[in-house]
Amino acid sequence: MSGKPDFEELMRQLSAMGSVRRELARSLPVDCSSGSAAVLALLGRDGDMRIGRLAELLAVDMSVTSRHVTHLAELGWIDRSPDPADRRSRILRLTPEGRERLTELSDRTARLLAERLSGWSDEDVELLTGLLARLRAGFDDPRTHSGGPPPTEMCPDAPPSETSPGAPPARTPVVTT
């Protein structure tokens, strides 16, 4: 296990990632905030869901989620329909326009990343992707900080889709919330 100086450097590097997140957010269209992009990405990845589940996945307050949902519904990118199991609740789903916008956002993000990482080898990009997925999984999986063994699927040599079972598909845009 690494020592304190290694973890201190890791903390500095993670803190500096804010500039990457800001640059990715600046690449979004004016009518689509990073929060709205996150909503589209989650609905695209996980499918139809209630707003409470969406707020949980975004890890933000229900009022913040509701503002994003209202904005996206006004743009016609998502639909809010009654939940057949509980008519008081609404099910959120992407509209065809929302799917088109999600594809556009994914393409924009992929182009920006390709531009910024043009000097990187494919192997380096794959390694970074796998390591970031492994880091995220380490915070998502309670076994990794409860003293239990790390999940076998967190092998750094595994392809990105195998590194984190809940990882979004490759076409999901990188967004910030």
N, C-alpha and C. Protein backbone atom coordinates (compact mmCIF):
# COMPACT_ATOMS: atom_id res chain seq x y z
N MET A 1 0.84 -1.18 0.00
CA MET A 1 0.00 0.00 0.00
C MET A 1 0.88 1.24 0.00
N SER A 2 0.47 2.25 -0.72
CA SER A 2 1.23 3.49 -0.82
C SER A 2 1.27 4.23 0.51
N GLY A 3 2.27 5.07 0.65
CA GLY A 3 2.43 5.86 1.86
C GLY A 3 1.72 7.19 1.76
N LYS A 4 1.77 7.94 2.85
CA LYS A 4 1.09 9.23 2.95
C LYS A 4 1.45 10.20 1.83
N PRO A 5 2.74 10.35 1.46
CA PRO A 5 3.07 11.28 0.37
C PRO A 5 2.36 10.92 -0.94
N ASP A 6 2.24 9.61 -1.23
CA ASP A 6 1.54 9.20 -2.45
C ASP A 6 0.07 9.62 -2.41
N PHE A 7 -0.57 9.44 -1.27
CA PHE A 7 -1.98 9.80 -1.15
C PHE A 7 -2.16 11.31 -1.17
N GLU A 8 -1.19 12.04 -0.62
CA GLU A 8 -1.26 13.50 -0.68
C GLU A 8 -1.17 13.98 -2.13
N GLU A 9 -0.28 13.36 -2.90
CA GLU A 9 -0.17 13.73 -4.32
C GLU A 9 -1.45 13.35 -5.06
N LEU A 10 -2.02 12.21 -4.74
CA LEU A 10 -3.28 11.81 -5.35
C LEU A 10 -4.37 12.83 -5.03
N MET A 11 -4.44 13.29 -3.79
CA MET A 11 -5.42 14.31 -3.42
C MET A 11 -5.21 15.58 -4.23
N ARG A 12 -3.97 16.01 -4.42
CA ARG A 12 -3.69 17.21 -5.21
C ARG A 12 -4.16 17.01 -6.66
N GLN A 13 -3.87 15.86 -7.22
CA GLN A 13 -4.27 15.60 -8.60
C GLN A 13 -5.79 15.55 -8.75
N LEU A 14 -6.46 14.93 -7.79
CA LEU A 14 -7.93 14.88 -7.86
C LEU A 14 -8.52 16.28 -7.71
N SER A 15 -7.95 17.09 -6.85
CA SER A 15 -8.43 18.48 -6.70
C SER A 15 -8.25 19.25 -7.98
N ALA A 16 -7.15 19.01 -8.67
CA ALA A 16 -6.88 19.72 -9.92
C ALA A 16 -7.79 19.26 -11.06
N MET A 17 -8.50 18.17 -10.89
CA MET A 17 -9.41 17.68 -11.93
C MET A 17 -10.57 18.65 -12.17
N GLY A 18 -10.76 19.60 -11.28
CA GLY A 18 -11.81 20.59 -11.47
C GLY A 18 -11.66 21.32 -12.80
N SER A 19 -10.42 21.57 -13.22
CA SER A 19 -10.22 22.27 -14.49
C SER A 19 -10.68 21.41 -15.66
N VAL A 20 -10.49 20.11 -15.57
CA VAL A 20 -10.97 19.21 -16.62
C VAL A 20 -12.50 19.22 -16.64
N ARG A 21 -13.10 19.13 -15.48
CA ARG A 21 -14.57 19.14 -15.39
C ARG A 21 -15.14 20.45 -15.94
N ARG A 22 -14.50 21.56 -15.61
CA ARG A 22 -14.99 22.86 -16.10
C ARG A 22 -14.88 22.94 -17.62
N GLU A 23 -13.77 22.46 -18.17
CA GLU A 23 -13.60 22.49 -19.62
C GLU A 23 -14.65 21.61 -20.31
N LEU A 24 -14.92 20.45 -19.74
CA LEU A 24 -15.96 19.59 -20.31
C LEU A 24 -17.33 20.27 -20.22
N ALA A 25 -17.61 20.94 -19.12
CA ALA A 25 -18.88 21.64 -18.96
C ALA A 25 -19.00 22.79 -19.96
N ARG A 26 -17.88 23.49 -20.22
CA ARG A 26 -17.91 24.59 -21.19
C ARG A 26 -18.20 24.11 -22.61
N SER A 27 -17.94 22.84 -22.88
CA SER A 27 -18.19 22.31 -24.22
C SER A 27 -19.67 22.02 -24.46
N LEU A 28 -20.48 22.09 -23.41
CA LEU A 28 -21.91 21.82 -23.55
C LEU A 28 -22.61 22.99 -24.22
N PRO A 29 -23.71 22.72 -24.94
CA PRO A 29 -24.47 23.82 -25.54
C PRO A 29 -25.06 24.73 -24.45
N VAL A 30 -25.35 25.95 -24.82
CA VAL A 30 -25.85 26.95 -23.87
C VAL A 30 -27.14 26.48 -23.19
N ASP A 31 -28.01 25.78 -23.91
CA ASP A 31 -29.29 25.37 -23.34
C ASP A 31 -29.21 24.07 -22.54
N CYS A 32 -28.01 23.57 -22.31
CA CYS A 32 -27.86 22.30 -21.59
C CYS A 32 -26.75 22.41 -20.55
N SER A 33 -27.15 22.63 -19.30
CA SER A 33 -26.17 22.71 -18.22
C SER A 33 -25.59 21.32 -17.95
N SER A 34 -24.53 21.30 -17.18
CA SER A 34 -23.93 20.00 -16.84
C SER A 34 -24.91 19.14 -16.05
N GLY A 35 -25.75 19.76 -15.22
CA GLY A 35 -26.76 19.00 -14.49
C GLY A 35 -27.80 18.39 -15.41
N SER A 36 -28.22 19.16 -16.42
CA SER A 36 -29.17 18.64 -17.40
C SER A 36 -28.54 17.51 -18.21
N ALA A 37 -27.28 17.67 -18.56
CA ALA A 37 -26.57 16.62 -19.29
C ALA A 37 -26.48 15.35 -18.45
N ALA A 38 -26.28 15.52 -17.15
CA ALA A 38 -26.21 14.35 -16.25
C ALA A 38 -27.55 13.63 -16.22
N VAL A 39 -28.65 14.38 -16.20
CA VAL A 39 -29.98 13.76 -16.22
C VAL A 39 -30.16 12.97 -17.50
N LEU A 40 -29.83 13.57 -18.64
CA LEU A 40 -29.95 12.87 -19.92
C LEU A 40 -29.09 11.60 -19.92
N ALA A 41 -27.86 11.72 -19.43
CA ALA A 41 -26.95 10.57 -19.43
C ALA A 41 -27.49 9.43 -18.57
N LEU A 42 -28.02 9.77 -17.39
CA LEU A 42 -28.55 8.72 -16.52
C LEU A 42 -29.79 8.06 -17.11
N LEU A 43 -30.68 8.85 -17.69
CA LEU A 43 -31.86 8.25 -18.32
C LEU A 43 -31.46 7.41 -19.53
N GLY A 44 -30.43 7.86 -20.25
CA GLY A 44 -29.95 7.09 -21.39
C GLY A 44 -29.29 5.79 -20.96
N ARG A 45 -28.58 5.83 -19.85
CA ARG A 45 -27.88 4.64 -19.36
C ARG A 45 -28.81 3.68 -18.62
N ASP A 46 -29.62 4.23 -17.71
CA ASP A 46 -30.42 3.37 -16.82
C ASP A 46 -31.87 3.21 -17.25
N GLY A 47 -32.32 4.00 -18.21
CA GLY A 47 -33.70 3.88 -18.67
C GLY A 47 -34.68 4.66 -17.81
N ASP A 48 -35.95 4.40 -18.05
CA ASP A 48 -37.02 5.12 -17.37
C ASP A 48 -36.91 4.96 -15.85
N MET A 49 -37.25 6.04 -15.13
CA MET A 49 -37.19 5.98 -13.67
C MET A 49 -38.02 7.10 -13.06
N ARG A 50 -38.28 6.95 -11.78
CA ARG A 50 -38.95 8.00 -11.01
C ARG A 50 -37.94 9.08 -10.65
N ILE A 51 -38.45 10.26 -10.36
CA ILE A 51 -37.59 11.39 -10.03
C ILE A 51 -36.80 11.14 -8.75
N GLY A 52 -37.37 10.43 -7.80
CA GLY A 52 -36.65 10.13 -6.56
C GLY A 52 -35.40 9.30 -6.82
N ARG A 53 -35.52 8.33 -7.70
CA ARG A 53 -34.37 7.50 -8.07
C ARG A 53 -33.32 8.34 -8.79
N LEU A 54 -33.78 9.23 -9.66
CA LEU A 54 -32.88 10.11 -10.39
C LEU A 54 -32.10 11.00 -9.42
N ALA A 55 -32.79 11.58 -8.44
CA ALA A 55 -32.13 12.43 -7.44
C ALA A 55 -31.08 11.63 -6.67
N GLU A 56 -31.41 10.38 -6.37
CA GLU A 56 -30.46 9.51 -5.66
C GLU A 56 -29.21 9.25 -6.51
N LEU A 57 -29.41 8.96 -7.79
CA LEU A 57 -28.28 8.69 -8.68
C LEU A 57 -27.42 9.95 -8.91
N LEU A 58 -28.07 11.10 -8.96
CA LEU A 58 -27.35 12.36 -9.13
C LEU A 58 -26.67 12.80 -7.84
N ALA A 59 -27.14 12.26 -6.71
CA ALA A 59 -26.65 12.63 -5.39
C ALA A 59 -26.85 14.12 -5.12
N VAL A 60 -28.04 14.61 -5.51
CA VAL A 60 -28.41 16.00 -5.24
C VAL A 60 -29.82 16.02 -4.65
N ASP A 61 -30.17 17.16 -4.10
CA ASP A 61 -31.48 17.36 -3.49
C ASP A 61 -32.59 17.21 -4.53
N MET A 62 -33.76 16.78 -4.08
CA MET A 62 -34.91 16.60 -4.96
C MET A 62 -35.29 17.90 -5.66
N SER A 63 -35.15 19.04 -5.00
CA SER A 63 -35.51 20.32 -5.63
C SER A 63 -34.59 20.64 -6.81
N VAL A 64 -33.32 20.30 -6.68
CA VAL A 64 -32.36 20.52 -7.77
C VAL A 64 -32.71 19.61 -8.94
N THR A 65 -32.98 18.36 -8.63
CA THR A 65 -33.37 17.39 -9.67
C THR A 65 -34.65 17.85 -10.36
N SER A 66 -35.60 18.31 -9.60
CA SER A 66 -36.88 18.77 -10.16
C SER A 66 -36.67 19.93 -11.13
N ARG A 67 -35.77 20.85 -10.80
CA ARG A 67 -35.49 21.98 -11.71
C ARG A 67 -34.92 21.48 -13.04
N HIS A 68 -33.98 20.53 -12.95
CA HIS A 68 -33.41 19.98 -14.19
C HIS A 68 -34.48 19.27 -15.01
N VAL A 69 -35.31 18.48 -14.34
CA VAL A 69 -36.37 17.73 -15.03
C VAL A 69 -37.35 18.69 -15.69
N THR A 70 -37.76 19.73 -14.99
CA THR A 70 -38.69 20.72 -15.56
C THR A 70 -38.08 21.37 -16.80
N HIS A 71 -36.84 21.77 -16.71
CA HIS A 71 -36.15 22.40 -17.85
C HIS A 71 -36.11 21.46 -19.05
N LEU A 72 -35.72 20.22 -18.81
CA LEU A 72 -35.61 19.25 -19.91
C LEU A 72 -36.97 18.90 -20.50
N ALA A 73 -38.00 18.87 -19.66
CA ALA A 73 -39.35 18.60 -20.16
C ALA A 73 -39.83 19.77 -21.02
N GLU A 74 -39.52 21.00 -20.61
CA GLU A 74 -39.89 22.18 -21.39
C GLU A 74 -39.21 22.19 -22.76
N LEU A 75 -37.98 21.66 -22.81
CA LEU A 75 -37.27 21.57 -24.08
C LEU A 75 -37.77 20.40 -24.95
N GLY A 76 -38.55 19.52 -24.33
CA GLY A 76 -39.06 18.35 -25.06
C GLY A 76 -38.08 17.20 -25.12
N TRP A 77 -37.09 17.20 -24.23
CA TRP A 77 -36.07 16.16 -24.26
C TRP A 77 -36.41 14.98 -23.35
N ILE A 78 -37.27 15.21 -22.37
CA ILE A 78 -37.76 14.10 -21.54
C ILE A 78 -39.27 14.21 -21.41
N ASP A 79 -39.86 13.09 -21.10
CA ASP A 79 -41.31 13.00 -20.90
C ASP A 79 -41.56 12.58 -19.46
N ARG A 80 -42.58 13.18 -18.86
CA ARG A 80 -43.00 12.79 -17.50
C ARG A 80 -44.40 12.22 -17.62
N SER A 81 -44.53 10.93 -17.42
CA SER A 81 -45.85 10.31 -17.53
C SER A 81 -46.22 9.66 -16.21
N PRO A 82 -47.54 9.52 -15.94
CA PRO A 82 -47.96 8.90 -14.67
C PRO A 82 -47.43 7.48 -14.53
N ASP A 83 -47.04 7.15 -13.33
CA ASP A 83 -46.57 5.81 -13.02
C ASP A 83 -47.81 4.92 -12.85
N PRO A 84 -47.96 3.88 -13.64
CA PRO A 84 -49.14 3.02 -13.52
C PRO A 84 -49.27 2.38 -12.14
N ALA A 85 -48.14 2.18 -11.45
CA ALA A 85 -48.17 1.56 -10.13
C ALA A 85 -48.56 2.56 -9.04
N ASP A 86 -48.36 3.84 -9.29
CA ASP A 86 -48.68 4.89 -8.31
C ASP A 86 -48.95 6.17 -9.08
N ARG A 87 -50.20 6.46 -9.33
CA ARG A 87 -50.60 7.59 -10.18
C ARG A 87 -50.10 8.94 -9.65
N ARG A 88 -49.68 9.00 -8.38
CA ARG A 88 -49.16 10.26 -7.85
C ARG A 88 -47.73 10.51 -8.32
N SER A 89 -47.05 9.45 -8.72
CA SER A 89 -45.66 9.55 -9.16
C SER A 89 -45.58 9.66 -10.67
N ARG A 90 -44.45 10.13 -11.13
CA ARG A 90 -44.20 10.26 -12.56
C ARG A 90 -42.99 9.41 -12.95
N ILE A 91 -43.07 8.86 -14.13
CA ILE A 91 -41.95 8.13 -14.71
C ILE A 91 -41.30 9.06 -15.74
N LEU A 92 -39.99 9.18 -15.64
CA LEU A 92 -39.22 10.02 -16.56
C LEU A 92 -38.62 9.14 -17.64
N ARG A 93 -38.69 9.61 -18.88
CA ARG A 93 -38.07 8.87 -19.99
C ARG A 93 -37.60 9.86 -21.03
N LEU A 94 -36.55 9.45 -21.74
CA LEU A 94 -36.05 10.27 -22.84
C LEU A 94 -37.04 10.25 -23.99
N THR A 95 -37.21 11.39 -24.62
CA THR A 95 -37.98 11.46 -25.87
C THR A 95 -37.01 11.20 -27.02
N PRO A 96 -37.51 11.00 -28.22
CA PRO A 96 -36.59 10.88 -29.36
C PRO A 96 -35.66 12.09 -29.48
N GLU A 97 -36.18 13.30 -29.22
CA GLU A 97 -35.34 14.50 -29.25
C GLU A 97 -34.27 14.44 -28.17
N GLY A 98 -34.65 13.91 -27.00
CA GLY A 98 -33.68 13.77 -25.91
C GLY A 98 -32.58 12.78 -26.25
N ARG A 99 -32.94 11.70 -26.93
CA ARG A 99 -31.93 10.73 -27.36
C ARG A 99 -30.97 11.36 -28.38
N GLU A 100 -31.53 12.16 -29.28
CA GLU A 100 -30.68 12.87 -30.25
C GLU A 100 -29.72 13.81 -29.54
N ARG A 101 -30.24 14.55 -28.56
CA ARG A 101 -29.40 15.49 -27.82
C ARG A 101 -28.32 14.75 -27.04
N LEU A 102 -28.67 13.61 -26.44
CA LEU A 102 -27.69 12.82 -25.71
C LEU A 102 -26.58 12.34 -26.64
N THR A 103 -26.94 11.91 -27.82
CA THR A 103 -25.93 11.49 -28.81
C THR A 103 -25.04 12.67 -29.17
N GLU A 104 -25.64 13.84 -29.37
CA GLU A 104 -24.86 15.04 -29.70
C GLU A 104 -23.90 15.39 -28.56
N LEU A 105 -24.38 15.33 -27.32
CA LEU A 105 -23.53 15.64 -26.17
C LEU A 105 -22.38 14.63 -26.06
N SER A 106 -22.68 13.37 -26.29
CA SER A 106 -21.65 12.33 -26.24
C SER A 106 -20.60 12.57 -27.31
N ASP A 107 -21.05 12.92 -28.51
CA ASP A 107 -20.12 13.18 -29.61
C ASP A 107 -19.23 14.39 -29.30
N ARG A 108 -19.81 15.45 -28.74
CA ARG A 108 -19.04 16.64 -28.37
C ARG A 108 -17.96 16.29 -27.35
N THR A 109 -18.36 15.54 -26.33
CA THR A 109 -17.42 15.17 -25.28
C THR A 109 -16.31 14.28 -25.83
N ALA A 110 -16.69 13.32 -26.66
CA ALA A 110 -15.69 12.42 -27.25
C ALA A 110 -14.70 13.21 -28.11
N ARG A 111 -15.18 14.18 -28.89
CA ARG A 111 -14.29 14.99 -29.72
C ARG A 111 -13.31 15.79 -28.86
N LEU A 112 -13.83 16.40 -27.78
CA LEU A 112 -12.97 17.18 -26.90
C LEU A 112 -11.91 16.30 -26.25
N LEU A 113 -12.32 15.15 -25.74
CA LEU A 113 -11.36 14.25 -25.13
C LEU A 113 -10.33 13.76 -26.14
N ALA A 114 -10.79 13.43 -27.35
CA ALA A 114 -9.86 12.98 -28.40
C ALA A 114 -8.86 14.07 -28.73
N GLU A 115 -9.33 15.32 -28.76
CA GLU A 115 -8.43 16.45 -29.04
C GLU A 115 -7.39 16.62 -27.94
N ARG A 116 -7.86 16.62 -26.69
CA ARG A 116 -6.97 16.87 -25.56
C ARG A 116 -6.01 15.72 -25.30
N LEU A 117 -6.41 14.51 -25.67
CA LEU A 117 -5.58 13.34 -25.42
C LEU A 117 -4.95 12.80 -26.70
N SER A 118 -4.85 13.65 -27.72
CA SER A 118 -4.35 13.21 -29.02
C SER A 118 -2.93 12.66 -28.95
N GLY A 119 -2.13 13.11 -28.01
CA GLY A 119 -0.77 12.62 -27.87
C GLY A 119 -0.65 11.36 -27.04
N TRP A 120 -1.76 10.88 -26.52
CA TRP A 120 -1.74 9.69 -25.68
C TRP A 120 -1.87 8.43 -26.55
N SER A 121 -1.28 7.36 -26.09
CA SER A 121 -1.47 6.07 -26.77
C SER A 121 -2.84 5.50 -26.38
N ASP A 122 -3.33 4.61 -27.22
CA ASP A 122 -4.59 3.94 -26.90
C ASP A 122 -4.48 3.19 -25.56
N GLU A 123 -3.33 2.61 -25.32
CA GLU A 123 -3.11 1.86 -24.08
C GLU A 123 -3.20 2.78 -22.86
N ASP A 124 -2.63 4.00 -22.98
CA ASP A 124 -2.70 4.95 -21.87
C ASP A 124 -4.13 5.39 -21.59
N VAL A 125 -4.90 5.63 -22.65
CA VAL A 125 -6.30 6.02 -22.47
C VAL A 125 -7.08 4.88 -21.82
N GLU A 126 -6.85 3.66 -22.27
CA GLU A 126 -7.52 2.50 -21.68
C GLU A 126 -7.12 2.32 -20.22
N LEU A 127 -5.85 2.51 -19.92
CA LEU A 127 -5.37 2.38 -18.54
C LEU A 127 -6.02 3.43 -17.65
N LEU A 128 -6.04 4.69 -18.10
CA LEU A 128 -6.67 5.75 -17.32
C LEU A 128 -8.14 5.45 -17.09
N THR A 129 -8.84 5.04 -18.13
CA THR A 129 -10.27 4.71 -18.01
C THR A 129 -10.48 3.61 -16.98
N GLY A 130 -9.69 2.56 -17.06
CA GLY A 130 -9.81 1.46 -16.10
C GLY A 130 -9.49 1.88 -14.68
N LEU A 131 -8.45 2.67 -14.51
CA LEU A 131 -8.07 3.11 -13.17
C LEU A 131 -9.11 4.07 -12.58
N LEU A 132 -9.66 4.96 -13.39
CA LEU A 132 -10.71 5.86 -12.88
C LEU A 132 -11.96 5.07 -12.50
N ALA A 133 -12.33 4.08 -13.30
CA ALA A 133 -13.48 3.23 -12.97
C ALA A 133 -13.20 2.47 -11.68
N ARG A 134 -11.98 2.00 -11.52
CA ARG A 134 -11.60 1.27 -10.31
C ARG A 134 -11.65 2.19 -9.09
N LEU A 135 -11.16 3.44 -9.25
CA LEU A 135 -11.23 4.40 -8.15
C LEU A 135 -12.67 4.67 -7.76
N ARG A 136 -13.51 4.94 -8.77
CA ARG A 136 -14.92 5.21 -8.49
C ARG A 136 -15.58 4.01 -7.80
N ALA A 137 -15.29 2.82 -8.29
CA ALA A 137 -15.87 1.62 -7.69
C ALA A 137 -15.42 1.45 -6.24
N GLY A 138 -14.20 1.88 -5.95
CA GLY A 138 -13.70 1.80 -4.58
C GLY A 138 -14.50 2.66 -3.62
N PHE A 139 -15.12 3.70 -4.13
CA PHE A 139 -15.95 4.55 -3.29
C PHE A 139 -17.41 4.10 -3.34
N ASP A 140 -17.80 3.42 -4.40
CA ASP A 140 -19.17 2.94 -4.54
C ASP A 140 -19.41 1.62 -3.81
N ASP A 141 -18.39 0.79 -3.70
CA ASP A 141 -18.52 -0.56 -3.16
C ASP A 141 -18.13 -0.57 -1.68
N PRO A 142 -19.10 -0.80 -0.79
CA PRO A 142 -18.79 -0.76 0.65
C PRO A 142 -17.77 -1.81 1.07
N ARG A 143 -17.58 -2.89 0.29
CA ARG A 143 -16.62 -3.93 0.65
C ARG A 143 -15.20 -3.39 0.63
N THR A 144 -14.95 -2.37 -0.20
CA THR A 144 -13.58 -1.89 -0.34
C THR A 144 -13.15 -1.03 0.84
N HIS A 145 -14.09 -0.50 1.63
CA HIS A 145 -13.67 0.28 2.79
C HIS A 145 -14.23 -0.29 4.08
N SER A 146 -14.67 -1.55 4.03
CA SER A 146 -15.11 -2.21 5.25
C SER A 146 -14.16 -3.33 5.64
N GLY A 147 -13.03 -3.39 4.95
CA GLY A 147 -12.04 -4.40 5.27
C GLY A 147 -12.21 -5.69 4.47
N GLY A 148 -13.26 -5.79 3.67
CA GLY A 148 -13.48 -6.99 2.86
C GLY A 148 -12.57 -7.00 1.67
N PRO A 149 -12.47 -8.14 1.02
CA PRO A 149 -11.60 -8.22 -0.15
C PRO A 149 -12.14 -7.38 -1.29
N PRO A 150 -11.27 -6.81 -2.12
CA PRO A 150 -11.77 -6.04 -3.26
C PRO A 150 -12.44 -6.97 -4.25
N PRO A 151 -13.46 -6.49 -4.95
CA PRO A 151 -14.13 -7.32 -5.94
C PRO A 151 -13.15 -7.74 -7.03
N THR A 152 -13.30 -8.95 -7.52
CA THR A 152 -12.40 -9.46 -8.55
C THR A 152 -12.56 -8.70 -9.85
N GLU A 153 -13.71 -8.08 -10.10
CA GLU A 153 -13.91 -7.36 -11.35
C GLU A 153 -13.14 -6.04 -11.39
N MET A 154 -12.44 -5.68 -10.31
CA MET A 154 -11.71 -4.42 -10.29
C MET A 154 -10.25 -4.61 -10.69
N CYS A 155 -9.98 -5.52 -11.57
CA CYS A 155 -8.63 -5.75 -12.05
C CYS A 155 -8.23 -4.62 -12.99
N PRO A 156 -7.07 -3.97 -12.76
CA PRO A 156 -6.71 -2.84 -13.62
C PRO A 156 -6.45 -3.25 -15.07
N ASP A 157 -6.20 -4.54 -15.33
CA ASP A 157 -5.94 -4.98 -16.69
C ASP A 157 -7.22 -5.30 -17.44
N ALA A 158 -8.36 -5.28 -16.75
CA ALA A 158 -9.63 -5.62 -17.40
C ALA A 158 -10.05 -4.48 -18.31
N PRO A 159 -10.75 -4.80 -19.40
CA PRO A 159 -11.29 -3.74 -20.25
C PRO A 159 -12.22 -2.86 -19.44
N PRO A 160 -12.39 -1.57 -19.81
CA PRO A 160 -13.22 -0.65 -19.03
C PRO A 160 -14.62 -1.17 -18.75
N SER A 161 -15.26 -1.86 -19.69
CA SER A 161 -16.63 -2.33 -19.47
C SER A 161 -16.69 -3.39 -18.39
N GLU A 162 -15.56 -4.07 -18.12
CA GLU A 162 -15.53 -5.10 -17.09
C GLU A 162 -15.02 -4.56 -15.77
N THR A 163 -14.45 -3.39 -15.76
CA THR A 163 -13.84 -2.85 -14.56
C THR A 163 -14.87 -2.44 -13.53
N SER A 164 -15.96 -1.87 -13.97
CA SER A 164 -17.01 -1.42 -13.07
C SER A 164 -18.34 -1.89 -13.61
N PRO A 165 -19.04 -2.77 -12.88
CA PRO A 165 -20.26 -3.35 -13.41
C PRO A 165 -21.33 -2.32 -13.76
N GLY A 166 -21.37 -1.19 -13.10
CA GLY A 166 -22.38 -0.19 -13.39
C GLY A 166 -21.88 0.94 -14.25
N ALA A 167 -20.74 0.77 -14.88
CA ALA A 167 -20.16 1.86 -15.67
C ALA A 167 -21.04 2.20 -16.85
N PRO A 168 -21.18 3.49 -17.16
CA PRO A 168 -21.99 3.88 -18.29
C PRO A 168 -21.38 3.42 -19.60
N PRO A 169 -22.20 3.26 -20.63
CA PRO A 169 -21.66 2.86 -21.91
C PRO A 169 -20.72 3.93 -22.45
N ALA A 170 -19.92 3.56 -23.41
CA ALA A 170 -18.89 4.46 -23.95
C ALA A 170 -19.47 5.75 -24.50
N ARG A 171 -20.72 5.76 -24.96
CA ARG A 171 -21.30 6.95 -25.57
C ARG A 171 -21.91 7.90 -24.54
N THR A 172 -21.82 7.60 -23.26
CA THR A 172 -22.36 8.50 -22.25
C THR A 172 -21.42 9.68 -22.08
N PRO A 173 -21.92 10.91 -22.17
CA PRO A 173 -21.02 12.07 -22.03
C PRO A 173 -20.50 12.19 -20.60
N VAL A 174 -19.33 12.73 -20.49
CA VAL A 174 -18.78 13.04 -19.19
C VAL A 174 -19.43 14.34 -18.74
N VAL A 175 -20.06 14.30 -17.58
CA VAL A 175 -20.78 15.49 -17.11
C VAL A 175 -20.43 15.74 -15.67
N THR A 176 -20.68 16.94 -15.23
CA THR A 176 -20.43 17.30 -13.84
C THR A 176 -21.74 17.72 -13.21
N THR A 177 -21.84 17.49 -11.93
CA THR A 177 -23.05 17.91 -11.20
C THR A 177 -22.67 18.77 -10.04
